[in-house]
């Protein structure tokens, strides 16, 4: 990461992160609403329990490689895009955990001294 004196690194164009992470379930939910497909119908078509579908679309469950491939087959949204979104979401959530970021900071200080 490039550091510029007096400028918050998060404000530099290449370092921007969204205010809130985007879960792939948000994208899938918008897509099925646009197409007029019910969650129940899509769950049946791709062979997953309705509760799992609802949890994904309401950002309570992560998308796996298998479910990403199922959504790709049903909706045409590339699985690698959905998996990438999930990874970005996971990383942003981890970075927002103060206890974890303090732990990372301590590890970086120890590693810098080696």
C-alpha atoms as a PDB file:
ATOM      1  CA  UNK A   1       0.000   0.000   0.000  1.00  0.00           C
ATOM      2  CA  UNK A   2       1.303   3.464  -0.888  1.00  0.00           C
ATOM      3  CA  UNK A   3       1.368   5.949   1.985  1.00  0.00           C
ATOM      4  CA  UNK A   4       1.151   9.681   1.305  1.00  0.00           C
ATOM      5  CA  UNK A   5       1.946  11.987   4.216  1.00  0.00           C
ATOM      6  CA  UNK A   6      -1.200  13.587   5.617  1.00  0.00           C
ATOM      7  CA  UNK A   7      -3.611  11.547   3.482  1.00  0.00           C
ATOM      8  CA  UNK A   8      -5.661   8.686   4.826  1.00  0.00           C
ATOM      9  CA  UNK A   9      -4.567   5.599   2.804  1.00  0.00           C
ATOM     10  CA  UNK A  10      -8.227   4.571   2.451  1.00  0.00           C
ATOM     11  CA  UNK A  11      -8.886   7.783   0.523  1.00  0.00           C
ATOM     12  CA  UNK A  12      -6.346   7.056  -2.232  1.00  0.00           C
ATOM     13  CA  UNK A  13      -8.157   5.808  -5.351  1.00  0.00           C
ATOM     14  CA  UNK A  14      -6.339   2.461  -5.534  1.00  0.00           C
ATOM     15  CA  UNK A  15      -6.984   1.711  -1.867  1.00  0.00           C
ATOM     16  CA  UNK A  16     -10.721   2.367  -1.715  1.00  0.00           C
ATOM     17  CA  UNK A  17     -12.934  -0.148   0.004  1.00  0.00           C
ATOM     18  CA  UNK A  18     -16.710   0.059   0.013  1.00  0.00           C
ATOM     19  CA  UNK A  19     -18.329   1.480   3.139  1.00  0.00           C
ATOM     20  CA  UNK A  20     -20.219  -1.778   3.499  1.00  0.00           C
ATOM     21  CA  UNK A  21     -19.035  -5.037   1.967  1.00  0.00           C
ATOM     22  CA  UNK A  22     -21.180  -6.542  -0.771  1.00  0.00           C
ATOM     23  CA  UNK A  23     -22.221 -10.112  -0.166  1.00  0.00           C
ATOM     24  CA  UNK A  24     -22.827 -12.155  -3.356  1.00  0.00           C
ATOM     25  CA  UNK A  25     -26.316 -12.907  -2.013  1.00  0.00           C
ATOM     26  CA  UNK A  26     -27.202  -9.239  -2.614  1.00  0.00           C
ATOM     27  CA  UNK A  27     -26.379  -9.595  -6.319  1.00  0.00           C
ATOM     28  CA  UNK A  28     -28.238 -12.892  -6.671  1.00  0.00           C
ATOM     29  CA  UNK A  29     -31.266 -11.500  -4.832  1.00  0.00           C
ATOM     30  CA  UNK A  30     -31.416  -8.459  -7.121  1.00  0.00           C
ATOM     31  CA  UNK A  31     -31.090 -10.692 -10.180  1.00  0.00           C
ATOM     32  CA  UNK A  32     -33.907 -13.043  -9.239  1.00  0.00           C
ATOM     33  CA  UNK A  33     -36.157 -10.138  -8.243  1.00  0.00           C
ATOM     34  CA  UNK A  34     -35.474  -8.498 -11.619  1.00  0.00           C
ATOM     35  CA  UNK A  35     -36.325 -11.754 -13.404  1.00  0.00           C
ATOM     36  CA  UNK A  36     -39.398 -12.372 -11.255  1.00  0.00           C
ATOM     37  CA  UNK A  37     -38.119 -15.732  -9.985  1.00  0.00           C
ATOM     38  CA  UNK A  38     -39.132 -16.765  -6.481  1.00  0.00           C
ATOM     39  CA  UNK A  39     -36.533 -17.928  -3.982  1.00  0.00           C
ATOM     40  CA  UNK A  40     -38.505 -21.125  -3.492  1.00  0.00           C
ATOM     41  CA  UNK A  41     -38.586 -21.920  -7.215  1.00  0.00           C
ATOM     42  CA  UNK A  42     -34.887 -21.224  -7.661  1.00  0.00           C
ATOM     43  CA  UNK A  43     -34.023 -23.338  -4.613  1.00  0.00           C
ATOM     44  CA  UNK A  44     -36.023 -26.221  -6.072  1.00  0.00           C
ATOM     45  CA  UNK A  45     -34.459 -25.805  -9.522  1.00  0.00           C
ATOM     46  CA  UNK A  46     -30.887 -25.885  -8.260  1.00  0.00           C
ATOM     47  CA  UNK A  47     -31.550 -28.496  -5.580  1.00  0.00           C
ATOM     48  CA  UNK A  48     -30.772 -26.696  -2.348  1.00  0.00           C
ATOM     49  CA  UNK A  49     -32.993 -26.289   0.720  1.00  0.00           C
ATOM     50  CA  UNK A  50     -35.105 -23.123   0.728  1.00  0.00           C
ATOM     51  CA  UNK A  51     -33.600 -22.098   4.096  1.00  0.00           C
ATOM     52  CA  UNK A  52     -30.098 -22.209   2.608  1.00  0.00           C
ATOM     53  CA  UNK A  53     -31.253 -20.120  -0.350  1.00  0.00           C
ATOM     54  CA  UNK A  54     -32.897 -17.577   1.934  1.00  0.00           C
ATOM     55  CA  UNK A  55     -29.822 -17.405   4.168  1.00  0.00           C
ATOM     56  CA  UNK A  56     -27.557 -16.754   1.173  1.00  0.00           C
ATOM     57  CA  UNK A  57     -29.847 -14.089  -0.266  1.00  0.00           C
ATOM     58  CA  UNK A  58     -30.086 -12.389   3.130  1.00  0.00           C
ATOM     59  CA  UNK A  59     -26.302 -12.516   3.631  1.00  0.00           C
ATOM     60  CA  UNK A  60     -26.420 -14.911   6.573  1.00  0.00           C
ATOM     61  CA  UNK A  61     -24.636 -17.780   4.797  1.00  0.00           C
ATOM     62  CA  UNK A  62     -21.528 -17.665   2.623  1.00  0.00           C
ATOM     63  CA  UNK A  63     -21.624 -18.864  -0.927  1.00  0.00           C
ATOM     64  CA  UNK A  64     -19.473 -21.936  -1.605  1.00  0.00           C
ATOM     65  CA  UNK A  65     -17.813 -23.012  -4.830  1.00  0.00           C
ATOM     66  CA  UNK A  66     -20.579 -25.565  -5.369  1.00  0.00           C
ATOM     67  CA  UNK A  67     -23.424 -23.101  -4.820  1.00  0.00           C
ATOM     68  CA  UNK A  68     -21.651 -20.538  -7.004  1.00  0.00           C
ATOM     69  CA  UNK A  69     -21.563 -23.101  -9.806  1.00  0.00           C
ATOM     70  CA  UNK A  70     -25.256 -23.883  -9.261  1.00  0.00           C
ATOM     71  CA  UNK A  71     -26.142 -20.184  -9.497  1.00  0.00           C
ATOM     72  CA  UNK A  72     -23.964 -19.852 -12.597  1.00  0.00           C
ATOM     73  CA  UNK A  73     -25.849 -22.716 -14.260  1.00  0.00           C
ATOM     74  CA  UNK A  74     -29.243 -21.272 -13.330  1.00  0.00           C
ATOM     75  CA  UNK A  75     -28.664 -17.534 -13.739  1.00  0.00           C
ATOM     76  CA  UNK A  76     -25.573 -17.162 -15.896  1.00  0.00           C
ATOM     77  CA  UNK A  77     -23.671 -15.173 -13.245  1.00  0.00           C
ATOM     78  CA  UNK A  78     -20.056 -16.405 -13.506  1.00  0.00           C
ATOM     79  CA  UNK A  79     -19.126 -18.528 -10.487  1.00  0.00           C
ATOM     80  CA  UNK A  80     -15.684 -16.925 -10.237  1.00  0.00           C
ATOM     81  CA  UNK A  81     -17.326 -13.511  -9.822  1.00  0.00           C
ATOM     82  CA  UNK A  82     -19.533 -14.787  -6.984  1.00  0.00           C
ATOM     83  CA  UNK A  83     -16.611 -16.521  -5.252  1.00  0.00           C
ATOM     84  CA  UNK A  84     -14.478 -13.392  -5.629  1.00  0.00           C
ATOM     85  CA  UNK A  85     -17.229 -11.304  -4.092  1.00  0.00           C
ATOM     86  CA  UNK A  86     -17.479 -13.749  -1.188  1.00  0.00           C
ATOM     87  CA  UNK A  87     -13.726 -13.581  -0.582  1.00  0.00           C
ATOM     88  CA  UNK A  88     -13.744  -9.772  -0.730  1.00  0.00           C
ATOM     89  CA  UNK A  89     -16.695  -9.754   1.681  1.00  0.00           C
ATOM     90  CA  UNK A  90     -14.907 -12.115   4.080  1.00  0.00           C
ATOM     91  CA  UNK A  91     -11.718 -10.045   4.000  1.00  0.00           C
ATOM     92  CA  UNK A  92     -13.532  -6.773   4.598  1.00  0.00           C
ATOM     93  CA  UNK A  93     -15.446  -8.274   7.528  1.00  0.00           C
ATOM     94  CA  UNK A  94     -12.171  -9.592   9.003  1.00  0.00           C
ATOM     95  CA  UNK A  95     -10.505  -6.180   8.571  1.00  0.00           C
ATOM     96  CA  UNK A  96     -13.367  -4.511  10.429  1.00  0.00           C
ATOM     97  CA  UNK A  97     -12.852  -6.760  13.481  1.00  0.00           C
ATOM     98  CA  UNK A  98     -10.866  -4.542  15.895  1.00  0.00           C
ATOM     99  CA  UNK A  99      -9.594  -7.458  18.002  1.00  0.00           C
ATOM    100  CA  UNK A 100      -8.329  -9.244  14.921  1.00  0.00           C
ATOM    101  CA  UNK A 101      -6.699  -6.135  13.430  1.00  0.00           C
ATOM    102  CA  UNK A 102      -4.896  -5.540  16.741  1.00  0.00           C
ATOM    103  CA  UNK A 103      -3.608  -9.113  16.554  1.00  0.00           C
ATOM    104  CA  UNK A 104      -2.440  -8.530  12.974  1.00  0.00           C
ATOM    105  CA  UNK A 105      -0.669  -5.346  14.047  1.00  0.00           C
ATOM    106  CA  UNK A 106       1.217  -7.190  16.799  1.00  0.00           C
ATOM    107  CA  UNK A 107       2.253  -9.910  14.353  1.00  0.00           C
ATOM    108  CA  UNK A 108       3.470  -7.293  11.835  1.00  0.00           C
ATOM    109  CA  UNK A 109       5.588  -5.618  14.531  1.00  0.00           C
ATOM    110  CA  UNK A 110       7.152  -8.947  15.500  1.00  0.00           C
ATOM    111  CA  UNK A 111       7.762  -9.847  11.844  1.00  0.00           C
ATOM    112  CA  UNK A 112       9.366  -6.445  11.164  1.00  0.00           C
ATOM    113  CA  UNK A 113      11.837  -7.039  13.989  1.00  0.00           C
ATOM    114  CA  UNK A 114      13.013 -10.368  12.553  1.00  0.00           C
END
